[in-house]
Amino acid sequence: VSETKSHDVPMMYAKGRFGYRNVEAKGFSVLELSYSGSDTKMLVLLPNERNGLAALEETLPSVNLVELLNRMGKGEVEVYLPKFKIEFSLDLKDVLTTLGMGRMFSNAAEFPDLLESNEPLKISKAVHKAFIEVNEEGTKAAAASGFSAKFRVAKAPTVIKFKADHPFIYALVSQDKGVYFIGRVTNPA
């Protein structure tokens, strides 16, 4: 967690061909994890320095994650990644009301095509929930699931080691649609 503080956390290991790039000028390495059947990728941005998360967060606005994804090279990588699960929940009532759709939450709501009777109907609550879970079974997200890695014998003479044993940033990115989600893992326990 810091230079003087650490936690034991369950880690996963995989060796295979992954998208990888060391962005030395900005002080981080990035690993690409693919979702099977989807163009969505998880990028894991790992600071080169153990206590480099704050510097990476300052640099992040200047990093085009879609362009970074397009420039990833494939290589034989040993991946050490902690298991983690992030959950997020947002009450959408205020957001939808601000967008001019607040009537659906009031007694003046009209949904004539939803019911055959003329009973009054209104929306009591609208919630957006999302989760990201990374474990041995793969990476799961709200809109995509299944972590795929092509395992085969290394052809390259060197194997890259990507060991996420300190805080890092992750992002769900699509080449077509851009960045869906960005978060940080500081304590996966």
N, C-alpha and C. Protein backbone atom coordinates (compact mmCIF):
# COMPACT_ATOMS: atom_id res chain seq x y z
N VAL A 1 0.83 -1.19 0.00
CA VAL A 1 0.00 0.00 0.00
C VAL A 1 0.87 1.26 0.00
N SER A 2 1.99 1.21 0.72
CA SER A 2 2.93 2.33 0.72
C SER A 2 4.34 1.77 0.93
N GLU A 3 5.33 2.67 1.02
CA GLU A 3 6.71 2.22 1.24
C GLU A 3 6.85 1.49 2.57
N THR A 4 6.05 1.88 3.57
CA THR A 4 6.19 1.30 4.91
C THR A 4 5.04 0.39 5.30
N LYS A 5 3.99 0.34 4.52
CA LYS A 5 2.79 -0.43 4.87
C LYS A 5 2.44 -1.40 3.75
N SER A 6 2.15 -2.65 4.13
CA SER A 6 1.77 -3.63 3.11
C SER A 6 0.68 -4.53 3.66
N HIS A 7 -0.03 -5.20 2.76
CA HIS A 7 -1.09 -6.15 3.11
C HIS A 7 -0.88 -7.41 2.30
N ASP A 8 -1.16 -8.56 2.90
CA ASP A 8 -1.19 -9.80 2.15
C ASP A 8 -2.55 -9.90 1.48
N VAL A 9 -2.56 -10.09 0.18
CA VAL A 9 -3.82 -10.22 -0.56
C VAL A 9 -3.73 -11.43 -1.48
N PRO A 10 -4.86 -12.07 -1.76
CA PRO A 10 -4.85 -13.19 -2.71
C PRO A 10 -4.47 -12.70 -4.11
N MET A 11 -3.50 -13.35 -4.71
CA MET A 11 -3.03 -12.98 -6.05
C MET A 11 -3.35 -14.09 -7.04
N MET A 12 -3.43 -13.71 -8.30
CA MET A 12 -3.62 -14.66 -9.40
C MET A 12 -2.36 -14.62 -10.26
N TYR A 13 -2.13 -15.70 -10.97
CA TYR A 13 -0.98 -15.78 -11.85
C TYR A 13 -1.42 -16.35 -13.19
N ALA A 14 -0.93 -15.76 -14.25
CA ALA A 14 -1.14 -16.31 -15.60
C ALA A 14 0.09 -15.98 -16.43
N LYS A 15 0.41 -16.87 -17.34
CA LYS A 15 1.50 -16.63 -18.27
C LYS A 15 0.95 -16.87 -19.66
N GLY A 16 1.11 -15.89 -20.54
CA GLY A 16 0.59 -16.03 -21.90
C GLY A 16 0.88 -14.78 -22.71
N ARG A 17 0.28 -14.70 -23.88
CA ARG A 17 0.45 -13.53 -24.75
C ARG A 17 -0.60 -12.50 -24.38
N PHE A 18 -0.11 -11.36 -23.93
CA PHE A 18 -0.98 -10.26 -23.53
C PHE A 18 -0.52 -8.98 -24.22
N GLY A 19 -1.44 -8.05 -24.35
CA GLY A 19 -1.05 -6.71 -24.77
C GLY A 19 -0.29 -6.07 -23.62
N TYR A 20 0.85 -5.47 -23.92
CA TYR A 20 1.69 -4.88 -22.88
C TYR A 20 2.46 -3.71 -23.47
N ARG A 21 2.67 -2.71 -22.64
CA ARG A 21 3.51 -1.59 -23.06
C ARG A 21 4.08 -0.91 -21.82
N ASN A 22 5.34 -0.57 -21.87
CA ASN A 22 5.96 0.22 -20.82
C ASN A 22 6.02 1.66 -21.32
N VAL A 23 5.28 2.54 -20.68
CA VAL A 23 5.25 3.95 -21.06
C VAL A 23 6.24 4.67 -20.12
N GLU A 24 7.50 4.44 -20.39
CA GLU A 24 8.59 4.92 -19.52
C GLU A 24 8.52 6.42 -19.29
N ALA A 25 8.23 7.19 -20.33
CA ALA A 25 8.20 8.65 -20.22
C ALA A 25 7.16 9.14 -19.22
N LYS A 26 6.10 8.36 -19.03
CA LYS A 26 5.04 8.76 -18.09
C LYS A 26 5.09 7.96 -16.79
N GLY A 27 6.03 7.01 -16.70
CA GLY A 27 6.26 6.32 -15.44
C GLY A 27 5.32 5.18 -15.11
N PHE A 28 4.81 4.49 -16.13
CA PHE A 28 3.94 3.35 -15.84
C PHE A 28 4.02 2.30 -16.94
N SER A 29 3.58 1.10 -16.59
CA SER A 29 3.41 0.01 -17.55
C SER A 29 1.93 -0.27 -17.65
N VAL A 30 1.51 -0.81 -18.79
CA VAL A 30 0.08 -1.10 -18.97
C VAL A 30 -0.07 -2.50 -19.53
N LEU A 31 -1.06 -3.21 -19.00
CA LEU A 31 -1.40 -4.57 -19.41
C LEU A 31 -2.81 -4.56 -19.95
N GLU A 32 -3.03 -5.27 -21.05
CA GLU A 32 -4.36 -5.37 -21.66
C GLU A 32 -4.96 -6.73 -21.36
N LEU A 33 -6.15 -6.74 -20.78
CA LEU A 33 -6.91 -7.96 -20.55
C LEU A 33 -8.16 -7.89 -21.42
N SER A 34 -8.41 -8.93 -22.20
CA SER A 34 -9.53 -8.93 -23.14
C SER A 34 -10.75 -9.60 -22.55
N TYR A 35 -11.91 -9.11 -22.94
CA TYR A 35 -13.18 -9.75 -22.61
C TYR A 35 -13.59 -10.58 -23.82
N SER A 36 -13.87 -11.86 -23.61
CA SER A 36 -14.23 -12.72 -24.74
C SER A 36 -15.54 -12.26 -25.36
N GLY A 37 -15.58 -12.25 -26.68
CA GLY A 37 -16.78 -11.87 -27.41
C GLY A 37 -17.08 -10.38 -27.37
N SER A 38 -16.12 -9.55 -27.04
CA SER A 38 -16.36 -8.12 -26.92
C SER A 38 -15.12 -7.35 -27.34
N ASP A 39 -15.33 -6.11 -27.79
CA ASP A 39 -14.17 -5.27 -28.10
C ASP A 39 -13.73 -4.48 -26.86
N THR A 40 -14.40 -4.70 -25.73
CA THR A 40 -14.04 -4.03 -24.49
C THR A 40 -12.79 -4.69 -23.89
N LYS A 41 -11.89 -3.87 -23.43
CA LYS A 41 -10.65 -4.34 -22.82
C LYS A 41 -10.52 -3.71 -21.44
N MET A 42 -9.86 -4.43 -20.55
CA MET A 42 -9.47 -3.82 -19.28
C MET A 42 -7.99 -3.50 -19.39
N LEU A 43 -7.67 -2.24 -19.14
CA LEU A 43 -6.27 -1.82 -19.09
C LEU A 43 -5.89 -1.69 -17.62
N VAL A 44 -4.78 -2.28 -17.25
CA VAL A 44 -4.25 -2.15 -15.89
C VAL A 44 -3.00 -1.29 -16.00
N LEU A 45 -3.06 -0.10 -15.42
CA LEU A 45 -1.95 0.85 -15.48
C LEU A 45 -1.22 0.79 -14.15
N LEU A 46 -0.01 0.28 -14.18
CA LEU A 46 0.78 0.05 -12.98
C LEU A 46 1.95 1.04 -12.93
N PRO A 47 1.98 1.88 -11.89
CA PRO A 47 3.12 2.81 -11.77
C PRO A 47 4.43 2.03 -11.68
N ASN A 48 5.47 2.55 -12.32
CA ASN A 48 6.77 1.90 -12.25
C ASN A 48 7.35 1.99 -10.84
N GLU A 49 6.97 3.02 -10.11
CA GLU A 49 7.41 3.18 -8.72
C GLU A 49 6.33 2.67 -7.78
N ARG A 50 6.73 2.02 -6.72
CA ARG A 50 5.80 1.43 -5.76
C ARG A 50 4.82 2.47 -5.20
N ASN A 51 5.29 3.69 -4.95
CA ASN A 51 4.44 4.74 -4.41
C ASN A 51 4.08 5.78 -5.49
N GLY A 52 3.95 5.34 -6.74
CA GLY A 52 3.74 6.25 -7.86
C GLY A 52 2.30 6.47 -8.28
N LEU A 53 1.32 6.02 -7.48
CA LEU A 53 -0.08 6.17 -7.89
C LEU A 53 -0.49 7.63 -8.05
N ALA A 54 -0.11 8.49 -7.11
CA ALA A 54 -0.48 9.91 -7.18
C ALA A 54 0.07 10.55 -8.46
N ALA A 55 1.32 10.24 -8.79
CA ALA A 55 1.92 10.78 -10.01
C ALA A 55 1.20 10.27 -11.25
N LEU A 56 0.82 8.99 -11.24
CA LEU A 56 0.08 8.42 -12.37
C LEU A 56 -1.28 9.09 -12.51
N GLU A 57 -1.95 9.33 -11.39
CA GLU A 57 -3.25 10.00 -11.44
C GLU A 57 -3.13 11.42 -11.99
N GLU A 58 -2.03 12.11 -11.69
CA GLU A 58 -1.80 13.45 -12.24
C GLU A 58 -1.54 13.39 -13.74
N THR A 59 -0.86 12.35 -14.18
CA THR A 59 -0.52 12.17 -15.60
C THR A 59 -1.71 11.70 -16.43
N LEU A 60 -2.62 10.98 -15.81
CA LEU A 60 -3.70 10.30 -16.53
C LEU A 60 -4.50 11.20 -17.48
N PRO A 61 -4.85 12.44 -17.11
CA PRO A 61 -5.62 13.27 -18.06
C PRO A 61 -4.90 13.50 -19.40
N SER A 62 -3.58 13.39 -19.40
CA SER A 62 -2.83 13.60 -20.65
C SER A 62 -2.64 12.31 -21.44
N VAL A 63 -3.19 11.20 -20.94
CA VAL A 63 -3.04 9.91 -21.61
C VAL A 63 -4.34 9.57 -22.34
N ASN A 64 -4.25 9.36 -23.64
CA ASN A 64 -5.41 8.93 -24.43
C ASN A 64 -5.46 7.40 -24.36
N LEU A 65 -6.38 6.88 -23.55
CA LEU A 65 -6.43 5.44 -23.31
C LEU A 65 -6.79 4.64 -24.56
N VAL A 66 -7.63 5.18 -25.42
CA VAL A 66 -7.99 4.47 -26.66
C VAL A 66 -6.76 4.39 -27.57
N GLU A 67 -6.04 5.49 -27.69
CA GLU A 67 -4.81 5.49 -28.49
C GLU A 67 -3.78 4.54 -27.89
N LEU A 68 -3.67 4.55 -26.57
CA LEU A 68 -2.76 3.63 -25.89
C LEU A 68 -3.12 2.18 -26.19
N LEU A 69 -4.41 1.88 -26.15
CA LEU A 69 -4.90 0.54 -26.46
C LEU A 69 -4.50 0.15 -27.88
N ASN A 70 -4.64 1.07 -28.82
CA ASN A 70 -4.29 0.79 -30.21
C ASN A 70 -2.79 0.60 -30.43
N ARG A 71 -1.97 1.10 -29.52
CA ARG A 71 -0.52 0.99 -29.67
C ARG A 71 0.09 -0.15 -28.86
N MET A 72 -0.75 -0.96 -28.26
CA MET A 72 -0.25 -2.06 -27.43
C MET A 72 0.44 -3.11 -28.30
N GLY A 73 1.56 -3.58 -27.84
CA GLY A 73 2.22 -4.70 -28.50
C GLY A 73 1.88 -5.98 -27.75
N LYS A 74 1.89 -7.09 -28.45
CA LYS A 74 1.64 -8.39 -27.81
C LYS A 74 2.98 -9.02 -27.46
N GLY A 75 3.02 -9.61 -26.29
CA GLY A 75 4.24 -10.28 -25.87
C GLY A 75 3.94 -11.34 -24.83
N GLU A 76 4.93 -12.14 -24.55
CA GLU A 76 4.81 -13.17 -23.52
C GLU A 76 4.97 -12.48 -22.17
N VAL A 77 3.92 -12.57 -21.35
CA VAL A 77 3.91 -11.84 -20.08
C VAL A 77 3.53 -12.78 -18.94
N GLU A 78 4.27 -12.67 -17.85
CA GLU A 78 3.88 -13.31 -16.60
C GLU A 78 3.09 -12.27 -15.82
N VAL A 79 1.83 -12.58 -15.53
CA VAL A 79 0.95 -11.62 -14.88
C VAL A 79 0.67 -12.06 -13.45
N TYR A 80 0.94 -11.17 -12.53
CA TYR A 80 0.58 -11.35 -11.12
C TYR A 80 -0.39 -10.21 -10.80
N LEU A 81 -1.63 -10.57 -10.51
CA LEU A 81 -2.67 -9.56 -10.31
C LEU A 81 -3.49 -9.93 -9.09
N PRO A 82 -3.78 -8.96 -8.22
CA PRO A 82 -4.61 -9.30 -7.06
C PRO A 82 -6.05 -9.53 -7.47
N LYS A 83 -6.73 -10.40 -6.73
CA LYS A 83 -8.17 -10.55 -6.92
C LYS A 83 -8.81 -9.30 -6.33
N PHE A 84 -9.79 -8.75 -7.03
CA PHE A 84 -10.49 -7.61 -6.46
C PHE A 84 -11.91 -7.52 -7.00
N LYS A 85 -12.76 -6.87 -6.23
CA LYS A 85 -14.14 -6.64 -6.63
C LYS A 85 -14.50 -5.22 -6.24
N ILE A 86 -15.01 -4.47 -7.20
CA ILE A 86 -15.43 -3.10 -6.98
C ILE A 86 -16.91 -3.02 -7.31
N GLU A 87 -17.69 -2.44 -6.41
CA GLU A 87 -19.12 -2.26 -6.66
C GLU A 87 -19.45 -0.78 -6.56
N PHE A 88 -20.37 -0.34 -7.40
CA PHE A 88 -20.74 1.07 -7.47
C PHE A 88 -22.25 1.15 -7.63
N SER A 89 -22.87 2.05 -6.89
CA SER A 89 -24.32 2.23 -7.00
C SER A 89 -24.62 3.72 -7.01
N LEU A 90 -25.56 4.12 -7.87
CA LEU A 90 -25.92 5.53 -8.00
C LEU A 90 -27.43 5.65 -8.13
N ASP A 91 -28.03 6.47 -7.29
CA ASP A 91 -29.46 6.76 -7.40
C ASP A 91 -29.63 7.74 -8.55
N LEU A 92 -30.42 7.37 -9.54
CA LEU A 92 -30.56 8.17 -10.76
C LEU A 92 -31.67 9.21 -10.71
N LYS A 93 -32.45 9.25 -9.63
CA LYS A 93 -33.60 10.16 -9.57
C LYS A 93 -33.17 11.61 -9.80
N ASP A 94 -32.16 12.09 -9.09
CA ASP A 94 -31.72 13.47 -9.26
C ASP A 94 -31.17 13.73 -10.66
N VAL A 95 -30.40 12.78 -11.18
CA VAL A 95 -29.82 12.93 -12.52
C VAL A 95 -30.93 13.01 -13.57
N LEU A 96 -31.89 12.09 -13.51
CA LEU A 96 -32.98 12.08 -14.49
C LEU A 96 -33.87 13.30 -14.35
N THR A 97 -34.08 13.76 -13.13
CA THR A 97 -34.88 14.98 -12.93
C THR A 97 -34.17 16.18 -13.53
N THR A 98 -32.86 16.28 -13.33
CA THR A 98 -32.07 17.37 -13.92
C THR A 98 -32.14 17.34 -15.45
N LEU A 99 -32.24 16.15 -16.02
CA LEU A 99 -32.33 16.01 -17.47
C LEU A 99 -33.75 16.23 -17.99
N GLY A 100 -34.66 16.63 -17.10
CA GLY A 100 -36.03 16.92 -17.53
C GLY A 100 -36.96 15.73 -17.51
N MET A 101 -36.59 14.66 -16.85
CA MET A 101 -37.43 13.46 -16.82
C MET A 101 -37.97 13.17 -15.43
N GLY A 102 -38.08 14.21 -14.60
CA GLY A 102 -38.54 14.04 -13.23
C GLY A 102 -40.01 13.69 -13.09
N ARG A 103 -40.79 13.96 -14.10
CA ARG A 103 -42.23 13.70 -14.02
C ARG A 103 -42.53 12.22 -13.75
N MET A 104 -41.69 11.34 -14.24
CA MET A 104 -41.94 9.91 -14.05
C MET A 104 -41.92 9.50 -12.58
N PHE A 105 -41.33 10.34 -11.72
CA PHE A 105 -41.27 10.04 -10.29
C PHE A 105 -42.43 10.67 -9.51
N SER A 106 -43.27 11.44 -10.18
CA SER A 106 -44.35 12.14 -9.49
C SER A 106 -45.70 11.48 -9.77
N ASN A 107 -46.72 11.95 -9.04
CA ASN A 107 -48.09 11.45 -9.26
C ASN A 107 -48.63 11.88 -10.62
N ALA A 108 -47.96 12.82 -11.28
CA ALA A 108 -48.38 13.27 -12.61
C ALA A 108 -47.80 12.40 -13.73
N ALA A 109 -47.09 11.36 -13.37
CA ALA A 109 -46.49 10.47 -14.37
C ALA A 109 -47.57 9.82 -15.22
N GLU A 110 -47.27 9.66 -16.49
CA GLU A 110 -48.21 9.02 -17.42
C GLU A 110 -47.49 7.92 -18.18
N PHE A 111 -48.01 6.71 -18.03
CA PHE A 111 -47.50 5.55 -18.75
C PHE A 111 -48.68 4.81 -19.38
N PRO A 112 -49.37 5.44 -20.34
CA PRO A 112 -50.62 4.87 -20.86
C PRO A 112 -50.45 3.53 -21.57
N ASP A 113 -49.32 3.27 -22.15
CA ASP A 113 -49.14 2.03 -22.91
C ASP A 113 -48.58 0.88 -22.08
N LEU A 114 -48.30 1.13 -20.81
CA LEU A 114 -47.74 0.08 -19.97
C LEU A 114 -48.80 -0.78 -19.30
N LEU A 115 -49.92 -0.19 -18.95
CA LEU A 115 -50.97 -0.91 -18.24
C LEU A 115 -52.25 -0.91 -19.06
N GLU A 116 -53.02 -1.97 -18.93
CA GLU A 116 -54.32 -2.00 -19.61
C GLU A 116 -55.35 -1.20 -18.84
N SER A 117 -55.22 -1.15 -17.52
CA SER A 117 -56.15 -0.37 -16.70
C SER A 117 -55.63 1.06 -16.57
N ASN A 118 -56.44 1.92 -16.00
CA ASN A 118 -56.05 3.31 -15.83
C ASN A 118 -55.47 3.58 -14.44
N GLU A 119 -54.92 2.55 -13.82
CA GLU A 119 -54.35 2.74 -12.49
C GLU A 119 -53.17 3.69 -12.57
N PRO A 120 -53.04 4.56 -11.53
CA PRO A 120 -51.89 5.47 -11.54
C PRO A 120 -50.58 4.69 -11.35
N LEU A 121 -49.58 5.10 -12.07
CA LEU A 121 -48.29 4.43 -12.01
C LEU A 121 -47.20 5.49 -12.04
N LYS A 122 -46.23 5.36 -11.16
CA LYS A 122 -45.06 6.24 -11.18
C LYS A 122 -43.83 5.41 -10.83
N ILE A 123 -42.69 5.91 -11.19
CA ILE A 123 -41.43 5.26 -10.86
C ILE A 123 -41.04 5.70 -9.46
N SER A 124 -40.78 4.75 -8.59
CA SER A 124 -40.41 5.12 -7.22
C SER A 124 -38.89 5.27 -7.08
N LYS A 125 -38.14 4.51 -7.84
CA LYS A 125 -36.69 4.57 -7.70
C LYS A 125 -36.02 4.11 -8.99
N ALA A 126 -34.96 4.77 -9.37
CA ALA A 126 -34.14 4.36 -10.52
C ALA A 126 -32.69 4.32 -10.03
N VAL A 127 -32.06 3.17 -10.18
CA VAL A 127 -30.71 2.98 -9.66
C VAL A 127 -29.82 2.39 -10.75
N HIS A 128 -28.61 2.88 -10.82
CA HIS A 128 -27.60 2.29 -11.71
C HIS A 128 -26.59 1.58 -10.82
N LYS A 129 -26.36 0.31 -11.09
CA LYS A 129 -25.37 -0.46 -10.34
C LYS A 129 -24.37 -1.04 -11.32
N ALA A 130 -23.14 -1.02 -10.93
CA ALA A 130 -22.08 -1.61 -11.76
C ALA A 130 -21.12 -2.35 -10.85
N PHE A 131 -20.47 -3.36 -11.40
CA PHE A 131 -19.44 -4.06 -10.64
C PHE A 131 -18.36 -4.54 -11.57
N ILE A 132 -17.20 -4.66 -11.01
CA ILE A 132 -16.07 -5.25 -11.71
C ILE A 132 -15.46 -6.24 -10.74
N GLU A 133 -15.27 -7.46 -11.20
CA GLU A 133 -14.67 -8.49 -10.35
C GLU A 133 -13.58 -9.19 -11.14
N VAL A 134 -12.43 -9.30 -10.54
CA VAL A 134 -11.30 -9.99 -11.16
C VAL A 134 -10.88 -11.12 -10.22
N ASN A 135 -10.95 -12.35 -10.72
CA ASN A 135 -10.52 -13.52 -9.95
C ASN A 135 -10.02 -14.59 -10.92
N GLU A 136 -9.74 -15.79 -10.41
CA GLU A 136 -9.19 -16.84 -11.26
C GLU A 136 -10.11 -17.22 -12.42
N GLU A 137 -11.41 -17.03 -12.22
CA GLU A 137 -12.37 -17.39 -13.27
C GLU A 137 -12.38 -16.36 -14.38
N GLY A 138 -11.77 -15.21 -14.15
CA GLY A 138 -11.71 -14.20 -15.18
C GLY A 138 -12.09 -12.84 -14.66
N THR A 139 -12.37 -11.95 -15.59
CA THR A 139 -12.78 -10.60 -15.28
C THR A 139 -14.24 -10.48 -15.63
N LYS A 140 -15.04 -9.98 -14.71
CA LYS A 140 -16.46 -9.80 -14.96
C LYS A 140 -16.79 -8.34 -14.80
N ALA A 141 -17.66 -7.84 -15.65
CA ALA A 141 -18.10 -6.46 -15.55
C ALA A 141 -19.58 -6.41 -15.88
N ALA A 142 -20.19 -5.27 -15.61
CA ALA A 142 -21.62 -5.14 -15.79
C ALA A 142 -22.06 -5.47 -17.22
N ALA A 143 -21.28 -5.07 -18.22
CA ALA A 143 -21.72 -5.25 -19.59
C ALA A 143 -20.92 -6.28 -20.36
N ALA A 144 -19.93 -6.84 -19.73
CA ALA A 144 -19.10 -7.83 -20.43
C ALA A 144 -18.56 -8.82 -19.42
N SER A 145 -18.33 -10.06 -19.88
CA SER A 145 -17.76 -11.04 -18.96
C SER A 145 -16.85 -11.99 -19.71
N GLY A 146 -15.98 -12.62 -18.96
CA GLY A 146 -15.08 -13.61 -19.52
C GLY A 146 -13.73 -13.02 -19.85
N PHE A 147 -12.72 -13.45 -19.16
CA PHE A 147 -11.35 -13.00 -19.35
C PHE A 147 -10.65 -14.02 -20.22
N SER A 148 -10.14 -13.57 -21.36
CA SER A 148 -9.51 -14.55 -22.24
C SER A 148 -8.02 -14.27 -22.37
N ALA A 149 -7.27 -15.31 -22.30
CA ALA A 149 -5.83 -15.23 -22.52
C ALA A 149 -5.45 -16.41 -23.38
N LYS A 150 -4.65 -16.16 -24.39
CA LYS A 150 -4.20 -17.25 -25.25
C LYS A 150 -2.88 -17.76 -24.69
N PHE A 151 -2.91 -18.95 -24.14
CA PHE A 151 -1.71 -19.53 -23.55
C PHE A 151 -1.02 -20.39 -24.60
N ARG A 152 0.27 -20.15 -24.78
CA ARG A 152 1.05 -20.98 -25.69
C ARG A 152 2.52 -20.82 -25.36
N VAL A 153 3.33 -21.62 -25.98
CA VAL A 153 4.76 -21.61 -25.71
C VAL A 153 5.35 -20.27 -26.17
N ALA A 154 6.21 -19.72 -25.36
CA ALA A 154 6.81 -18.42 -25.68
C ALA A 154 7.70 -18.53 -26.91
N LYS A 155 7.54 -17.58 -27.82
CA LYS A 155 8.41 -17.51 -29.00
C LYS A 155 9.49 -16.46 -28.80
N ALA A 156 9.17 -15.46 -27.99
CA ALA A 156 10.13 -14.39 -27.75
C ALA A 156 11.16 -14.86 -26.72
N PRO A 157 12.38 -14.38 -26.83
CA PRO A 157 13.41 -14.82 -25.91
C PRO A 157 13.22 -14.30 -24.48
N THR A 158 12.50 -13.20 -24.32
CA THR A 158 12.30 -12.66 -22.99
C THR A 158 10.83 -12.71 -22.60
N VAL A 159 10.62 -12.92 -21.31
CA VAL A 159 9.26 -12.91 -20.76
C VAL A 159 9.15 -11.67 -19.88
N ILE A 160 8.14 -10.88 -20.12
CA ILE A 160 7.91 -9.66 -19.35
C ILE A 160 7.19 -10.05 -18.07
N LYS A 161 7.57 -9.44 -16.97
CA LYS A 161 6.90 -9.70 -15.70
C LYS A 161 6.07 -8.48 -15.33
N PHE A 162 4.76 -8.67 -15.19
CA PHE A 162 3.84 -7.60 -14.79
C PHE A 162 3.29 -7.99 -13.43
N LYS A 163 3.85 -7.38 -12.39
CA LYS A 163 3.49 -7.76 -11.02
C LYS A 163 2.79 -6.58 -10.34
N ALA A 164 1.48 -6.66 -10.25
CA ALA A 164 0.67 -5.60 -9.64
C ALA A 164 0.62 -5.81 -8.13
N ASP A 165 1.76 -5.56 -7.49
CA ASP A 165 1.85 -5.74 -6.04
C ASP A 165 1.84 -4.41 -5.29
N HIS A 166 1.39 -3.37 -5.97
CA HIS A 166 1.20 -2.06 -5.35
C HIS A 166 0.03 -1.37 -6.06
N PRO A 167 -0.49 -0.26 -5.49
CA PRO A 167 -1.69 0.38 -6.06
C PRO A 167 -1.56 0.66 -7.55
N PHE A 168 -2.71 0.51 -8.25
CA PHE A 168 -2.74 0.71 -9.70
C PHE A 168 -4.09 1.26 -10.12
N ILE A 169 -4.16 1.64 -11.38
CA ILE A 169 -5.40 2.15 -12.00
C ILE A 169 -5.86 1.12 -13.01
N TYR A 170 -7.18 0.96 -13.13
CA TYR A 170 -7.74 0.10 -14.17
C TYR A 170 -8.77 0.90 -14.95
N ALA A 171 -8.96 0.53 -16.20
CA ALA A 171 -9.93 1.22 -17.05
C ALA A 171 -10.58 0.21 -17.98
N LEU A 172 -11.88 0.35 -18.18
CA LEU A 172 -12.58 -0.43 -19.20
C LEU A 172 -12.69 0.45 -20.42
N VAL A 173 -12.14 -0.05 -21.54
CA VAL A 173 -11.99 0.76 -22.75
C VAL A 173 -12.47 -0.02 -23.96
N SER A 174 -13.15 0.67 -24.86
CA SER A 174 -13.54 0.12 -26.15
C SER A 174 -12.88 0.95 -27.24
N GLN A 175 -12.33 0.30 -28.25
CA GLN A 175 -11.71 1.05 -29.34
C GLN A 175 -12.73 1.91 -30.07
N ASP A 176 -13.98 1.45 -30.14
CA ASP A 176 -15.02 2.19 -30.85
C ASP A 176 -15.72 3.23 -29.99
N LYS A 177 -15.97 2.90 -28.73
CA LYS A 177 -16.82 3.74 -27.89
C LYS A 177 -16.07 4.54 -26.84
N GLY A 178 -14.77 4.30 -26.68
CA GLY A 178 -13.99 5.07 -25.73
C GLY A 178 -13.92 4.43 -24.35
N VAL A 179 -13.75 5.28 -23.34
CA VAL A 179 -13.57 4.83 -21.97
C VAL A 179 -14.92 4.70 -21.28
N TYR A 180 -15.20 3.51 -20.75
CA TYR A 180 -16.43 3.28 -20.00
C TYR A 180 -16.28 3.61 -18.53
N PHE A 181 -15.13 3.28 -17.98
CA PHE A 181 -14.99 3.31 -16.53
C PHE A 181 -13.51 3.37 -16.17
N ILE A 182 -13.17 4.16 -15.17
CA ILE A 182 -11.81 4.21 -14.65
C ILE A 182 -11.90 4.12 -13.13
N GLY A 183 -11.00 3.36 -12.54
CA GLY A 183 -10.97 3.25 -11.08
C GLY A 183 -9.56 2.97 -10.61
N ARG A 184 -9.41 2.91 -9.31
CA ARG A 184 -8.09 2.60 -8.74
C ARG A 184 -8.23 1.49 -7.72
N VAL A 185 -7.21 0.69 -7.61
CA VAL A 185 -7.14 -0.35 -6.59
C VAL A 185 -5.99 0.02 -5.67
N THR A 186 -6.34 0.33 -4.42
CA THR A 186 -5.32 0.67 -3.44
C THR A 186 -5.21 -0.39 -2.35
N ASN A 187 -6.31 -1.09 -2.11
CA ASN A 187 -6.32 -2.15 -1.11
C ASN A 187 -7.34 -3.19 -1.55
N PRO A 188 -6.92 -4.20 -2.30
CA PRO A 188 -7.87 -5.18 -2.85
C PRO A 188 -8.41 -6.16 -1.82
N ALA A 189 -7.91 -6.12 -0.59
CA ALA A 189 -8.34 -7.07 0.44
C ALA A 189 -9.81 -6.87 0.81
